Amino acid sequence: MAVEWTITIEGRNEFGDVCRKAVRIDKSWERLFDGDLGLSIEDSKTIMAALQSAVVNHEAETYSLFRRVCPDCHRLRPVKDYTTRRIRTVFGIVEVRNPRWMLCRDCYPGMVDAFAPLREICPDRATSELMELTARLGSMMPYRQAARVLAEFLPVEPTETHATVRKRT
C-alpha cells in the first residue's frame, strides 16, 4: 500500500500569466516500520528542484521577452534562433529556453549581430548564490570534501567537482 503526494507549484505575475508545475512523491507504508517518517532528503531535493525549475524558467522567459523590445524605437527585435541553456543553481541544474535576438533593423541598419539576453544575467551558467556557496565551503574545508557536502545536501549534480570548488575559491 502506498500514499501518493502531489504538490502543485503555481506562480502568477502582474500581467496575470500563470505558471504551474506538479511534483509527485510516492511513499509506501512499509517504510514506517523502519522508522522512516516524513520527507527524506531526496524528497526535499526533488521538491526544491521542481520549484527552482519553475521559477528560473519563468524569470528567464520574462527577462528574455523584456530584452526583445528595442530600447530606442520600442519595436520587437527579430529572432535569430532558440537554444537551450543549462543553468546550475543551488537546487540543481535547470534547462531554460535561450533565445538570441538580432539587433533592431530600424535602429541599426546594415548591422547583423545577435545577442543572448540570458548571458547578461547569468554569464557563468551558474547562479551567484551557488558560486558564493561553493567558494565559502571551499575556503573552510578541503575541495573534495566541499564538493561531497554540496552533493549530499543540495540537489546539485556531480558537475560541482573539487576542481570547480577550487576554481571558485
Protein backbone atom coordinates (compact mmCIF):
# COMPACT_ATOMS: atom_id res chain seq x y z
CA MET A 1 0.00 0.00 0.00
CA ALA A 2 1.30 3.47 -0.79
CA VAL A 3 0.40 7.12 -0.47
CA GLU A 4 0.90 9.48 -3.39
CA TRP A 5 1.63 13.11 -2.59
CA THR A 6 1.14 15.68 -5.32
CA ILE A 7 2.49 19.17 -4.79
CA THR A 8 1.36 21.83 -7.24
CA ILE A 9 3.55 24.89 -7.63
CA GLU A 10 1.80 27.92 -9.07
CA GLY A 11 3.24 31.31 -9.88
CA ARG A 12 1.44 34.37 -11.20
CA ASN A 13 2.98 37.62 -12.42
CA GLU A 14 1.49 41.11 -12.55
CA PHE A 15 0.17 40.50 -16.07
CA GLY A 16 -1.89 37.51 -14.96
CA ASP A 17 0.33 34.87 -16.58
CA VAL A 18 0.19 31.62 -14.63
CA CYS A 19 2.98 29.06 -14.40
CA ARG A 20 2.13 25.64 -12.93
CA LYS A 21 4.27 22.63 -12.16
CA ALA A 22 3.33 19.45 -10.33
CA VAL A 23 5.63 17.21 -8.32
CA ARG A 24 4.63 13.70 -7.29
CA ILE A 25 6.15 11.78 -4.40
CA ASP A 26 5.20 8.18 -3.63
CA LYS A 27 5.52 6.85 -0.08
CA SER A 28 4.99 3.24 0.94
CA TRP A 29 3.64 2.22 4.34
CA GLU A 30 6.40 -0.37 4.77
CA ARG A 31 8.99 2.34 5.32
CA LEU A 32 7.23 3.34 8.57
CA PHE A 33 8.28 0.04 10.15
CA ASP A 34 11.89 1.11 9.64
CA GLY A 35 11.26 4.42 11.43
CA ASP A 36 11.28 6.37 8.17
CA LEU A 37 8.76 9.09 8.97
CA GLY A 38 8.14 12.21 6.91
CA LEU A 39 10.01 13.50 3.89
CA SER A 40 13.52 12.34 3.14
CA ILE A 41 16.39 14.50 1.96
CA GLU A 42 15.87 13.05 -1.53
CA ASP A 43 12.18 14.04 -1.42
CA SER A 44 13.09 17.60 -0.43
CA LYS A 45 15.69 17.75 -3.21
CA THR A 46 13.01 16.70 -5.72
CA ILE A 47 10.56 19.33 -4.45
CA MET A 48 13.12 22.14 -4.41
CA ALA A 49 14.48 21.22 -7.84
CA ALA A 50 10.95 21.39 -9.30
CA LEU A 51 10.28 24.73 -7.61
CA GLN A 52 13.61 26.13 -8.80
CA SER A 53 12.94 24.92 -12.34
CA ALA A 54 9.55 26.66 -12.42
CA VAL A 55 10.90 29.93 -11.00
CA VAL A 56 14.05 30.08 -13.15
CA ASN A 57 12.18 29.23 -16.36
CA HIS A 58 9.54 31.87 -15.69
CA GLU A 59 12.10 34.55 -14.78
CA ALA A 60 14.31 33.71 -17.78
CA GLU A 61 11.36 33.85 -20.17
CA THR A 62 10.14 37.16 -18.73
CA TYR A 63 13.61 38.74 -18.91
CA SER A 64 14.13 37.50 -22.47
CA LEU A 65 10.82 38.98 -23.61
CA PHE A 66 11.67 42.25 -21.87
CA ARG A 67 15.02 42.42 -23.71
CA ARG A 68 13.39 41.65 -27.07
CA VAL A 69 11.92 45.16 -27.16
CA CYS A 70 14.32 47.68 -28.70
CA PRO A 71 15.04 50.41 -26.11
CA ASP A 72 15.24 53.09 -28.83
CA CYS A 73 12.19 52.53 -31.05
CA HIS A 74 10.21 50.10 -28.81
CA ARG A 75 9.69 47.59 -31.62
CA LEU A 76 10.29 43.87 -31.29
CA ARG A 77 13.72 42.72 -32.38
CA PRO A 78 13.85 39.84 -34.87
CA VAL A 79 14.56 36.33 -33.62
CA LYS A 80 17.79 34.67 -34.75
CA ASP A 81 17.21 31.30 -33.08
CA TYR A 82 16.39 29.45 -29.88
CA THR A 83 18.70 27.14 -27.99
CA THR A 84 18.66 25.69 -24.51
CA ARG A 85 20.94 26.82 -21.74
CA ARG A 86 21.77 24.82 -18.63
CA ILE A 87 22.00 26.98 -15.53
CA ARG A 88 23.47 25.47 -12.37
CA THR A 89 21.69 26.60 -9.22
CA VAL A 90 21.81 25.69 -5.54
CA PHE A 91 18.77 23.49 -6.14
CA GLY A 92 20.00 21.69 -9.25
CA ILE A 93 20.57 22.23 -12.94
CA VAL A 94 17.75 23.96 -14.78
CA GLU A 95 17.38 23.91 -18.56
CA VAL A 96 15.87 27.09 -19.94
CA ARG A 97 14.91 28.24 -23.41
CA ASN A 98 17.63 30.62 -24.56
CA PRO A 99 16.58 32.97 -27.39
CA ARG A 100 19.00 35.03 -29.42
CA TRP A 101 17.71 38.36 -30.68
CA MET A 102 19.08 40.27 -33.64
CA LEU A 103 19.85 43.96 -33.34
CA CYS A 104 16.96 46.21 -34.34
CA ARG A 105 16.92 46.63 -38.12
CA ASP A 106 15.39 50.11 -37.88
CA CYS A 107 17.89 51.50 -35.37
CA TYR A 108 20.96 49.65 -36.67
CA PRO A 109 20.50 49.23 -40.44
CA GLY A 110 23.16 47.12 -42.07
CA MET A 111 24.39 45.63 -38.77
CA VAL A 112 23.90 41.90 -38.50
CA ASP A 113 24.59 40.86 -34.93
CA ALA A 114 22.79 38.78 -32.34
CA PHE A 115 22.86 38.60 -28.56
CA ALA A 116 21.54 36.19 -25.94
CA PRO A 117 19.85 38.09 -23.09
CA LEU A 118 20.36 35.23 -20.61
CA ARG A 119 24.11 35.68 -20.95
CA GLU A 120 23.64 39.13 -19.39
CA ILE A 121 22.05 37.84 -16.19
CA CYS A 122 23.91 34.51 -15.88
CA PRO A 123 27.24 34.75 -17.72
CA ASP A 124 28.91 31.84 -15.90
CA ARG A 125 25.96 29.44 -16.39
CA ALA A 126 25.75 29.23 -12.61
CA THR A 127 23.86 31.44 -10.19
CA SER A 128 25.84 33.79 -8.00
CA GLU A 129 24.41 32.06 -4.92
CA LEU A 130 25.85 28.67 -5.98
CA MET A 131 29.19 30.24 -6.82
CA GLU A 132 29.32 32.02 -3.45
CA LEU A 133 28.32 28.89 -1.50
CA THR A 134 30.90 26.81 -3.37
CA ALA A 135 33.62 29.36 -2.65
CA ARG A 136 32.64 29.62 1.02
CA LEU A 137 32.69 25.84 1.53
CA GLY A 138 35.94 25.55 -0.42
CA SER A 139 37.61 28.06 1.89
CA MET A 140 36.52 26.18 5.04
CA MET A 141 37.33 22.57 4.09
CA PRO A 142 39.25 20.52 1.52
CA TYR A 143 37.90 20.92 -2.01
CA ARG A 144 36.83 17.29 -2.44
CA GLN A 145 35.02 17.35 0.89
CA ALA A 146 33.26 20.61 -0.05
CA ALA A 147 32.10 19.03 -3.33
CA ARG A 148 30.77 15.99 -1.42
CA VAL A 149 28.91 18.22 1.07
CA LEU A 150 27.27 20.12 -1.79
CA ALA A 151 26.18 16.88 -3.47
CA GLU A 152 24.95 15.39 -0.19
CA PHE A 153 22.68 18.18 0.98
CA LEU A 154 21.75 20.01 -2.20
CA PRO A 155 20.33 18.63 -5.44
CA VAL A 156 23.43 19.69 -7.35
CA GLU A 157 24.82 17.38 -9.99
CA PRO A 158 28.29 15.88 -9.73
CA THR A 159 29.43 18.72 -12.02
CA GLU A 160 30.34 20.62 -8.87
CA THR A 161 33.60 18.74 -8.53
CA HIS A 162 36.61 19.54 -6.40
CA ALA A 163 38.13 21.31 -9.42
CA THR A 164 35.08 23.58 -9.68
CA VAL A 165 35.25 24.30 -5.95
CA ARG A 166 38.96 25.16 -6.23
CA LYS A 167 38.35 27.44 -9.22
CA ARG A 168 35.67 29.43 -7.37
CA THR A 169 37.66 29.81 -4.15
